[in-house]
Protein backbone atom coordinates (compact mmCIF):
# COMPACT_ATOMS: atom_id res chain seq x y z
CA MET A 1 0.00 0.00 0.00
CA LYS A 2 1.18 3.51 -0.81
CA LYS A 3 0.14 6.75 0.85
CA ARG A 4 1.33 10.27 0.08
CA ILE A 5 1.70 13.16 2.49
CA TRP A 6 2.37 16.57 0.98
CA VAL A 7 3.78 19.53 2.94
CA ILE A 8 3.59 23.07 1.56
CA THR A 9 6.34 24.99 3.31
CA LEU A 10 8.93 27.74 3.05
CA PHE A 11 11.49 25.40 4.59
CA PRO A 12 11.44 21.99 2.87
CA ASP A 13 14.94 21.26 4.19
CA PHE A 14 13.41 20.86 7.67
CA PHE A 15 11.93 17.56 6.52
CA ASP A 16 15.08 16.00 5.04
CA ALA A 17 16.48 14.67 8.32
CA PHE A 18 12.97 13.80 9.50
CA LYS A 19 12.57 11.36 6.60
CA GLU A 20 15.98 9.77 7.18
CA ALA A 21 16.14 9.29 10.95
CA GLY A 22 14.50 7.00 13.48
CA ILE A 23 12.13 4.07 13.23
CA ILE A 24 9.67 5.69 10.85
CA SER A 25 12.38 6.33 8.25
CA SER A 26 11.80 2.73 7.13
CA LEU A 27 8.23 3.72 6.24
CA PHE A 28 9.53 6.35 3.86
CA LYS A 29 11.80 3.71 2.30
CA GLY A 30 8.99 1.18 1.85
CA GLN A 31 10.65 -1.40 4.10
CA ARG A 32 7.65 -2.35 6.26
CA GLY A 33 5.15 -3.51 3.71
CA PHE A 34 3.74 0.00 3.54
CA GLU A 35 5.20 2.86 1.58
CA LEU A 36 4.72 6.37 2.89
CA VAL A 37 5.82 9.11 0.52
CA LEU A 38 6.49 12.51 2.08
CA GLN A 39 6.76 15.23 -0.56
CA THR A 40 7.52 18.86 0.16
CA VAL A 41 6.42 21.80 -1.98
CA GLN A 42 8.50 24.99 -1.82
CA LEU A 43 5.95 27.78 -1.54
CA ARG A 44 8.24 30.43 -3.03
CA GLU A 45 8.26 28.61 -6.36
CA TYR A 46 4.63 29.67 -6.81
CA SER A 47 5.12 33.37 -6.16
CA SER A 48 4.41 35.74 -9.03
CA THR A 49 6.78 38.45 -7.76
CA ASP A 50 10.37 38.91 -8.91
CA TYR A 51 11.63 38.59 -5.35
CA LYS A 52 9.58 35.40 -4.69
CA GLY A 53 7.51 37.04 -1.98
CA VAL A 54 4.75 34.97 -0.39
CA ASP A 55 3.38 37.49 2.12
CA ASP A 56 2.04 41.01 2.36
CA ALA A 57 0.85 43.58 4.90
CA PRO A 58 -2.58 42.85 6.42
CA TYR A 59 -5.59 44.88 5.36
CA GLY A 60 -6.84 46.95 8.29
CA GLY A 61 -3.33 47.35 9.66
CA GLY A 62 -1.56 45.50 12.38
CA PRO A 63 1.88 44.06 13.08
CA GLY A 64 3.59 41.45 10.94
CA MET A 65 2.80 40.00 7.54
CA VAL A 66 0.20 37.56 6.22
CA MET A 67 0.78 34.73 3.75
CA ARG A 68 -1.00 35.38 0.46
CA ALA A 69 -4.00 33.28 -0.58
CA ASP A 70 -3.11 33.35 -4.28
CA VAL A 71 0.39 31.97 -3.74
CA LEU A 72 -0.90 29.22 -1.46
CA ALA A 73 -3.62 28.33 -3.97
CA ARG A 74 -1.10 27.99 -6.80
CA ALA A 75 1.15 25.82 -4.63
CA LEU A 76 -1.79 23.55 -3.81
CA ASN A 77 -3.34 23.39 -7.29
CA GLU A 78 -0.14 23.22 -9.31
CA GLY A 79 2.42 21.84 -6.84
CA VAL A 80 0.17 19.15 -5.39
CA VAL A 81 -2.96 18.47 -7.45
CA LYS A 82 -1.39 18.82 -10.90
CA ALA A 83 2.08 17.53 -10.01
CA GLY A 84 0.61 14.63 -8.08
CA GLY A 85 -1.71 13.56 -10.87
CA TYR A 86 -4.92 14.02 -8.88
CA ASP A 87 -8.21 14.56 -10.70
CA THR A 88 -9.81 16.84 -8.09
CA LEU A 89 -9.14 18.46 -4.73
CA GLU A 90 -11.63 16.02 -3.22
CA GLN A 91 -8.88 13.40 -3.32
CA LEU A 92 -7.00 15.37 -0.66
CA GLU A 93 -7.48 16.29 2.99
CA VAL A 94 -5.99 19.78 3.28
CA ILE A 95 -4.82 20.45 6.84
CA TYR A 96 -3.71 23.74 8.36
CA THR A 97 -2.09 23.99 11.79
CA SER A 98 -3.46 26.87 13.85
CA PRO A 99 -4.36 27.63 17.50
CA ARG A 100 -8.04 27.63 16.47
CA GLY A 101 -7.95 23.96 15.47
CA GLU A 102 -8.73 20.67 17.20
CA THR A 103 -6.11 20.02 19.86
CA TRP A 104 -3.80 17.22 18.80
CA ASN A 105 -3.83 14.34 21.27
CA HIS A 106 -3.54 10.57 21.59
CA ASP A 107 -7.08 9.91 20.34
CA LEU A 108 -6.50 12.01 17.22
CA CYS A 109 -3.26 10.13 16.52
CA GLN A 110 -5.17 6.87 16.45
CA GLU A 111 -8.02 8.40 14.45
CA PHE A 112 -5.59 9.58 11.76
CA ALA A 113 -3.92 6.18 11.49
CA GLN A 114 -7.28 4.44 11.18
CA THR A 115 -9.02 6.99 8.97
CA TYR A 116 -6.37 7.95 6.47
CA PHE A 117 -4.48 4.68 6.30
CA HIS A 118 -7.43 2.27 6.33
CA ASP A 119 -10.86 3.84 5.77
CA ASP A 120 -10.18 6.95 3.66
CA SER A 121 -8.39 6.91 0.32
CA ARG A 122 -7.52 10.60 0.41
CA ASP A 123 -3.91 11.70 0.66
CA LEU A 124 -2.90 14.40 3.15
CA VAL A 125 -1.68 17.94 2.51
CA PHE A 126 -0.27 19.99 5.39
CA ILE A 127 -0.02 23.78 5.08
CA CYS A 128 2.81 25.23 7.18
CA GLY A 129 1.94 28.78 8.16
CA ARG A 130 4.46 31.52 8.98
CA TYR A 131 4.41 35.17 10.03
CA GLU A 132 0.97 36.26 11.35
CA GLY A 133 -0.78 33.39 9.61
CA ILE A 134 -2.45 32.92 6.23
CA ASP A 135 -5.18 34.79 4.38
CA GLU A 136 -8.58 33.69 5.70
CA ARG A 137 -9.94 33.27 2.18
CA PHE A 138 -7.53 30.41 1.50
CA ILE A 139 -8.77 28.69 4.65
CA GLU A 140 -12.40 29.15 3.61
CA ARG A 141 -11.80 27.95 0.06
CA TYR A 142 -9.34 25.10 0.49
CA VAL A 143 -8.70 23.95 4.05
CA THR A 144 -10.76 20.93 5.13
CA ARG A 145 -9.36 20.43 8.63
CA ILE A 146 -7.59 22.65 11.19
CA LEU A 147 -5.39 21.17 13.92
CA SER A 148 -3.52 22.66 16.87
CA LEU A 149 -0.48 21.16 18.56
CA GLY A 150 -1.35 22.96 21.78
CA ASP A 151 -2.06 26.31 23.41
CA TYR A 152 1.15 28.02 22.41
CA VAL A 153 2.56 29.66 19.30
CA LEU A 154 5.46 28.42 17.16
CA THR A 155 7.37 30.51 14.62
CA GLY A 156 6.06 28.22 11.90
CA GLY A 157 3.97 25.15 11.26
CA GLU A 158 6.84 22.84 10.30
CA LEU A 159 7.55 21.54 13.81
CA ALA A 160 3.86 20.99 14.47
CA VAL A 161 3.45 19.04 11.23
CA MET A 162 6.47 16.85 11.95
CA ALA A 163 5.21 16.13 15.47
CA MET A 164 1.79 15.14 14.14
CA ILE A 165 3.16 12.88 11.43
CA ASP A 166 5.63 11.24 13.79
CA SER A 167 2.94 10.54 16.38
CA PHE A 168 0.21 9.11 14.15
CA VAL A 169 2.30 6.91 11.84
CA ARG A 170 3.35 4.90 14.91
CA PHE A 171 -0.13 3.37 14.89
CA ILE A 172 0.20 2.03 11.36
CA PRO A 173 0.70 -1.75 11.69
CA GLY A 174 4.32 -2.76 11.23
CA VAL A 175 5.87 0.63 11.96
CA LEU A 176 6.92 -0.33 15.48
CA GLY A 177 8.83 -3.58 15.71
CA ASN A 178 6.66 -4.71 18.62
CA ARG A 179 2.95 -3.88 18.24
CA GLN A 180 2.56 -4.18 22.01
CA SER A 181 4.79 -1.11 22.41
CA ALA A 182 2.05 1.11 21.03
CA LEU A 183 -0.64 -0.63 23.03
CA GLU A 184 1.08 -0.17 26.39
CA GLU A 185 2.46 3.34 26.11
CA SER A 186 1.24 6.49 27.86
CA PHE A 187 -2.40 7.56 27.24
CA GLN A 188 -3.39 4.26 25.62
CA SER A 189 -5.29 3.24 28.75
CA GLY A 190 -6.09 6.80 29.77
CA LEU A 191 -3.14 6.76 32.18
CA LEU A 192 0.55 7.54 31.98
CA GLU A 193 2.89 4.66 31.30
CA HIS A 194 4.48 2.85 34.25
CA PRO A 195 8.22 3.39 35.02
CA GLN A 196 10.72 1.39 32.98
CA TYR A 197 13.98 -0.19 34.19
CA THR A 198 16.87 -2.06 32.58
CA ARG A 199 20.50 -3.02 33.37
CA PRO A 200 22.41 -2.36 35.53
CA ARG A 201 20.36 -3.87 38.35
CA VAL A 202 21.81 -1.29 40.78
CA PHE A 203 22.53 2.25 39.57
CA GLU A 204 24.18 4.72 41.98
CA GLY A 205 22.63 2.89 44.92
CA LEU A 206 19.15 2.68 43.38
CA GLU A 207 17.86 -0.84 42.79
CA VAL A 208 15.31 -2.14 40.32
CA PRO A 209 12.04 -2.89 42.21
CA GLN A 210 12.18 -6.50 43.41
CA VAL A 211 8.78 -7.40 42.01
CA LEU A 212 10.10 -6.87 38.47
CA LEU A 213 12.76 -9.47 39.12
CA SER A 214 10.34 -12.03 40.52
CA GLY A 215 9.16 -13.54 37.25
CA HIS A 216 5.60 -13.54 38.67
CA HIS A 217 3.60 -12.06 35.80
CA GLU A 218 0.41 -11.33 37.74
CA LYS A 219 2.31 -9.49 40.47
CA ILE A 220 4.30 -7.56 37.88
CA GLN A 221 1.10 -6.56 36.07
CA ALA A 222 -0.53 -5.43 39.33
CA TYR A 223 2.57 -3.43 40.26
CA GLN A 224 2.76 -1.73 36.87
CA THR A 225 -0.94 -0.85 36.91
CA ALA A 226 -0.59 0.64 40.39
CA GLU A 227 2.42 2.65 39.21
CA GLN A 228 0.48 3.96 36.24
CA LEU A 229 -2.21 5.25 38.57
CA ARG A 230 0.34 6.71 41.00
CA LEU A 231 2.25 8.59 38.29
CA THR A 232 -0.95 9.86 36.69
CA LYS A 233 -2.24 11.19 40.04
CA LEU A 234 1.15 12.82 40.66
CA HIS A 235 1.87 14.34 37.26
CA ARG A 236 -1.37 14.46 35.24
CA PRO A 237 -4.34 14.28 37.66
CA GLU A 238 -6.61 15.93 35.09
CA LEU A 239 -6.59 12.67 33.14
CA LEU A 240 -8.25 10.68 35.92
CA PRO A 241 -11.86 12.01 35.69
CA LYS A 242 -12.04 10.62 32.17
CA LYS A 243 -11.70 7.10 33.49
CA ASP A 244 -13.47 5.19 36.24
CA HIS A 245 -10.48 4.63 38.51
CA PRO A 246 -10.65 4.40 42.32
């Protein structure tokens, strides 16, 4: 199976190392029975100005600059739709990262993996904003989904897009060497993950909990579940009301 993700950006170089490093790099190389193609589109190539400008001063005044709707539209229609051989825009989910969007979380990661890599044949297009944002008319005309990485502002959308891609492709079968890794990590059960230990058995006077050395699987499971609850109460208590835990 092959799936394409397009990224319209002023900084395509940001994504070079992303495609080459870590576990998911094998996805981009088609080594896990599933080929994910990540293609970047340099926004400046679709500017009509001699200096390759992609932004302008906002109507009504105000600080900063706004990315132009016409340049973004050409990048999408020519750099993605035409270059990618698509018949219509309906074959694409066009995503813009903005504070107004749905907050990205564990449930959305799983939804993306299920929806776009199993149920929905559309490919994905991410729009990386810069400056004070993008012209609202482009959003109204072309954007089909708006997502937010969290309640803070980045200098551009590139880091948000990379974080989203990295987090949801982990749920594609075969990406992680051990499927159980994804099933037992933080947030999967509504709780944080339990503490992890490995060699050496004693580190600077601190020993691995004895129960983990016992080989008694039921006791180990009970201990790890209790630790999940303890760490969640300590560090992320707001997660607990969502689940029926004592």
